Amino acid sequence: MPIYFSEHEVVLPGQLLSDNGKRSGDGTYTLGGKIYAAQIGFATIKNNKVTVIAFKAAYKPMPGDRVIGIISDVRPNGFEVDLGRHLTGIIRIPDREEVKSMKLKVGDVVYVKIRESGLSGVIIDRGSRIRKIESGLLIQLHPSKIPRLVGRRGSMINVIKKLTGCDILVGKNGYVVVNGPSPESEFAAMKAIRMIEREAHTSGLTERIERYLRELLGK
């Protein structure tokens, strides 16, 4: 598929991206069999589609998304979960005794999966594991930067994990939890994540992140 942009290049509305109109994805449009950017953002290939990720695109919950949230209310029939940026998810549990047995309280951080999102709100899947995060650093990024943090096939996040030894949970809603073997390793991972947030639109970022972490950790 002929393309006219480099990975994560910043593109402008109307910019020609590809000659193959059949590969048009989110943030693009087709004209005369060619693909053009419909918005300013990062150009990338996602699921074999040419896609433009807007700088300030809001997170849109989708079934199956893994997200990180904060328990904001405990009810007799379940929980409310703050998913960031005025977005709230609901865990519905009809059995009051089950609600009590989960031992979740306001302020607890959880890693969950979206079951559905629509007119009835964002419903969290209680059939899959609701994981309570016991420790670590909670970091919030703009959701549009999450694909860059993960990298193609996990390349970026794996570099950070390997060099810092940290376990890193990434929520599609923009929350990230870093849990490492020492405060120094967690701090290094956090610094790298913030660097990615600032420089997400630049090329060669994975290599720069690796050098940056090696310098921070003296490796």
Protein backbone atom coordinates (compact mmCIF):
# COMPACT_ATOMS: atom_id res chain seq x y z
CA MET A 1 0.00 0.00 0.00
CA PRO A 2 1.72 3.23 -1.17
CA ILE A 3 1.78 5.76 1.66
CA TYR A 4 3.00 9.35 1.80
CA PHE A 5 3.78 9.80 5.48
CA SER A 6 6.21 8.44 8.06
CA GLU A 7 4.98 6.61 11.16
CA HIS A 8 3.40 9.07 13.66
CA GLU A 9 4.08 12.05 11.40
CA VAL A 10 1.97 15.10 12.23
CA VAL A 11 -0.41 15.62 9.31
CA LEU A 12 -2.84 18.42 8.45
CA PRO A 13 -6.43 18.25 7.15
CA GLY A 14 -6.43 17.64 3.40
CA GLN A 15 -2.94 16.12 3.31
CA LEU A 16 -2.55 13.19 0.90
CA LEU A 17 -1.76 9.99 2.82
CA SER A 18 -2.21 7.08 0.39
CA ASP A 19 -3.33 6.11 -3.11
CA ASN A 20 -5.40 3.19 -1.82
CA GLY A 21 -8.83 4.53 -0.88
CA LYS A 22 -9.98 1.12 0.33
CA ARG A 23 -7.65 1.43 3.33
CA SER A 24 -9.24 4.58 4.76
CA GLY A 25 -9.57 4.49 8.56
CA ASP A 26 -10.57 6.80 11.39
CA GLY A 27 -9.64 10.46 10.95
CA THR A 28 -9.39 10.24 7.15
CA TYR A 29 -11.59 10.56 4.06
CA THR A 30 -11.39 9.36 0.45
CA LEU A 31 -11.56 11.42 -2.72
CA GLY A 32 -10.84 10.12 -6.20
CA GLY A 33 -9.69 6.79 -4.78
CA LYS A 34 -7.07 8.43 -2.55
CA ILE A 35 -6.90 8.89 1.22
CA TYR A 36 -6.59 12.31 2.85
CA ALA A 37 -6.32 13.46 6.45
CA ALA A 38 -9.63 14.73 7.85
CA GLN A 39 -8.06 16.27 10.96
CA ILE A 40 -4.76 17.36 12.40
CA GLY A 41 -3.04 14.55 14.29
CA PHE A 42 -0.63 11.61 14.14
CA ALA A 43 -0.75 9.46 10.98
CA THR A 44 -0.31 5.73 11.48
CA ILE A 45 -1.30 2.30 10.16
CA LYS A 46 -3.79 0.58 12.46
CA ASN A 47 -5.36 -2.78 11.58
CA ASN A 48 -4.09 -2.32 8.02
CA LYS A 49 -5.95 1.00 7.77
CA VAL A 50 -4.52 4.48 7.35
CA THR A 51 -5.57 6.34 10.51
CA VAL A 52 -5.11 9.83 11.90
CA ILE A 53 -5.21 10.09 15.70
CA ALA A 54 -6.33 13.56 16.78
CA PHE A 55 -4.17 15.37 19.34
CA LYS A 56 -7.09 15.95 21.69
CA ALA A 57 -9.38 13.09 20.74
CA ALA A 58 -11.58 12.08 23.67
CA TYR A 59 -11.59 8.47 24.77
CA LYS A 60 -14.61 6.58 23.40
CA PRO A 61 -15.28 3.43 25.46
CA MET A 62 -15.62 0.29 23.37
CA PRO A 63 -16.65 -3.23 24.44
CA GLY A 64 -13.57 -5.24 25.36
CA ASP A 65 -11.41 -2.22 26.23
CA ARG A 66 -9.22 -2.69 29.29
CA VAL A 67 -9.29 0.45 31.41
CA ILE A 68 -8.04 1.69 34.77
CA GLY A 69 -10.40 3.56 37.07
CA ILE A 70 -10.92 4.79 40.60
CA ILE A 71 -13.86 3.67 42.73
CA SER A 72 -15.92 6.85 43.25
CA ASP A 73 -19.03 5.44 44.93
CA VAL A 74 -20.09 2.21 46.66
CA ARG A 75 -23.77 1.29 46.32
CA PRO A 76 -25.85 -1.62 47.60
CA ASN A 77 -26.08 -2.93 44.01
CA GLY A 78 -22.55 -2.20 42.77
CA PHE A 79 -19.92 0.48 42.25
CA GLU A 80 -19.30 3.68 40.30
CA VAL A 81 -15.86 3.92 38.71
CA ASP A 82 -14.22 7.22 37.71
CA LEU A 83 -12.59 6.59 34.32
CA GLY A 84 -11.19 10.11 34.01
CA ARG A 85 -12.26 13.21 32.07
CA HIS A 86 -15.84 13.21 33.39
CA LEU A 87 -16.41 9.59 32.32
CA THR A 88 -18.00 7.17 34.79
CA GLY A 89 -18.39 3.40 34.54
CA ILE A 90 -20.84 1.23 36.44
CA ILE A 91 -20.29 -2.20 37.96
CA ARG A 92 -23.73 -3.75 38.50
CA ILE A 93 -23.98 -6.47 41.13
CA PRO A 94 -27.53 -7.40 42.24
CA ASP A 95 -26.32 -9.45 45.23
CA ARG A 96 -25.58 -7.14 48.17
CA GLU A 97 -23.51 -9.78 49.91
CA GLU A 98 -21.28 -10.07 46.83
CA VAL A 99 -20.77 -6.29 46.87
CA LYS A 100 -19.58 -6.53 50.48
CA SER A 101 -17.33 -9.51 49.76
CA MET A 102 -15.42 -7.60 47.05
CA LYS A 103 -14.09 -5.24 49.76
CA LEU A 104 -13.75 -2.29 47.40
CA LYS A 105 -13.93 1.22 48.83
CA VAL A 106 -13.92 4.76 47.51
CA GLY A 107 -10.44 5.66 46.24
CA ASP A 108 -9.40 2.11 45.29
CA VAL A 109 -7.79 1.78 41.85
CA VAL A 110 -9.09 -1.06 39.65
CA TYR A 111 -8.21 -2.62 36.30
CA VAL A 112 -11.40 -3.67 34.49
CA LYS A 113 -12.95 -4.43 31.11
CA ILE A 114 -15.73 -2.50 29.37
CA ARG A 115 -18.77 -4.67 28.62
CA GLU A 116 -20.90 -2.11 26.81
CA SER A 117 -21.17 1.60 26.16
CA GLY A 118 -24.26 3.40 24.94
CA LEU A 119 -27.36 5.27 26.02
CA SER A 120 -27.41 3.32 29.30
CA GLY A 121 -23.89 4.50 30.10
CA VAL A 122 -20.58 2.67 30.40
CA ILE A 123 -21.11 -0.78 31.88
CA ILE A 124 -18.10 -2.66 33.26
CA ASP A 125 -17.91 -6.42 32.79
CA ARG A 126 -18.24 -8.09 36.20
CA GLY A 127 -17.84 -11.55 34.64
CA SER A 128 -14.15 -10.89 33.91
CA ARG A 129 -11.69 -10.31 36.70
CA ILE A 130 -11.96 -6.96 38.50
CA ARG A 131 -8.38 -6.43 39.59
CA LYS A 132 -7.65 -4.14 42.53
CA ILE A 133 -4.32 -2.33 42.20
CA GLU A 134 -2.62 -2.56 45.57
CA SER A 135 0.48 -0.43 44.91
CA GLY A 136 2.38 1.58 42.35
CA LEU A 137 2.34 5.01 40.70
CA LEU A 138 -0.86 6.15 38.98
CA ILE A 139 -0.16 8.34 35.94
CA GLN A 140 -2.71 10.02 33.69
CA LEU A 141 -2.02 10.73 30.02
CA HIS A 142 -4.27 12.04 27.31
CA PRO A 143 -5.93 8.94 25.80
CA SER A 144 -4.67 9.89 22.33
CA LYS A 145 -1.08 9.30 23.52
CA ILE A 146 -1.72 5.71 24.68
CA PRO A 147 -1.05 4.07 21.26
CA ARG A 148 2.33 5.84 21.15
CA LEU A 149 3.17 4.67 24.67
CA VAL A 150 2.40 1.07 23.74
CA GLY A 151 4.13 1.26 20.35
CA ARG A 152 3.78 -1.03 17.39
CA ARG A 153 3.33 -4.60 18.68
CA GLY A 154 4.20 -3.34 22.16
CA SER A 155 7.68 -2.16 21.15
CA MET A 156 7.76 1.03 23.24
CA ILE A 157 6.20 -0.28 26.44
CA ASN A 158 8.41 -3.38 26.32
CA VAL A 159 11.55 -1.21 26.21
CA ILE A 160 10.44 0.58 29.40
CA LYS A 161 9.52 -2.69 31.14
CA LYS A 162 12.80 -4.38 30.21
CA LEU A 163 15.11 -1.55 31.28
CA THR A 164 13.28 -0.59 34.49
CA GLY A 165 12.00 -4.01 35.59
CA CYS A 166 8.60 -2.43 36.19
CA ASP A 167 5.21 -4.00 35.70
CA ILE A 168 3.15 -1.48 33.71
CA LEU A 169 -0.62 -1.63 33.29
CA VAL A 170 -2.02 0.58 30.54
CA GLY A 171 -5.68 1.58 30.33
CA LYS A 172 -7.09 2.76 27.02
CA ASN A 173 -8.75 5.62 28.91
CA GLY A 174 -5.35 7.19 29.63
CA TYR A 175 -4.54 5.90 33.12
CA VAL A 176 -1.27 4.00 33.59
CA VAL A 177 -0.04 2.17 36.71
CA VAL A 178 3.70 1.65 37.20
CA ASN A 179 4.81 -0.87 39.82
CA GLY A 180 8.53 -1.53 40.10
CA PRO A 181 11.17 -3.15 42.27
CA SER A 182 12.31 0.21 43.68
CA PRO A 183 11.26 3.88 43.81
CA GLU A 184 14.16 4.66 41.46
CA SER A 185 12.90 2.26 38.79
CA GLU A 186 9.34 3.59 39.07
CA PHE A 187 10.60 7.17 38.81
CA ALA A 188 12.62 6.30 35.69
CA ALA A 189 9.60 4.65 34.06
CA MET A 190 7.44 7.66 34.91
CA LYS A 191 10.01 10.05 33.41
CA ALA A 192 10.12 7.98 30.22
CA ILE A 193 6.32 7.97 29.98
CA ARG A 194 6.19 11.74 30.38
CA MET A 195 8.84 12.10 27.67
CA ILE A 196 6.70 10.00 25.33
CA GLU A 197 3.72 12.20 26.16
CA ARG A 198 5.67 15.34 25.20
CA GLU A 199 7.37 13.95 22.10
CA ALA A 200 4.76 11.52 20.76
CA HIS A 201 4.73 13.26 17.37
CA THR A 202 8.47 12.81 16.74
CA SER A 203 10.26 10.01 14.91
CA GLY A 204 12.99 7.79 16.38
CA LEU A 205 11.39 8.06 19.81
CA THR A 206 11.86 4.43 20.86
CA GLU A 207 15.64 4.69 20.45
CA ARG A 208 15.74 8.00 22.36
CA ILE A 209 13.67 6.53 25.19
CA GLU A 210 16.08 3.59 25.46
CA ARG A 211 19.10 5.93 25.64
CA TYR A 212 17.31 8.16 28.16
CA LEU A 213 16.49 5.25 30.46
CA ARG A 214 20.02 3.86 30.28
CA GLU A 215 21.35 7.26 31.32
CA LEU A 216 18.86 7.59 34.18
CA LEU A 217 19.57 4.10 35.47
CA GLY A 218 23.30 4.11 34.77
CA LYS A 219 23.14 1.10 32.44
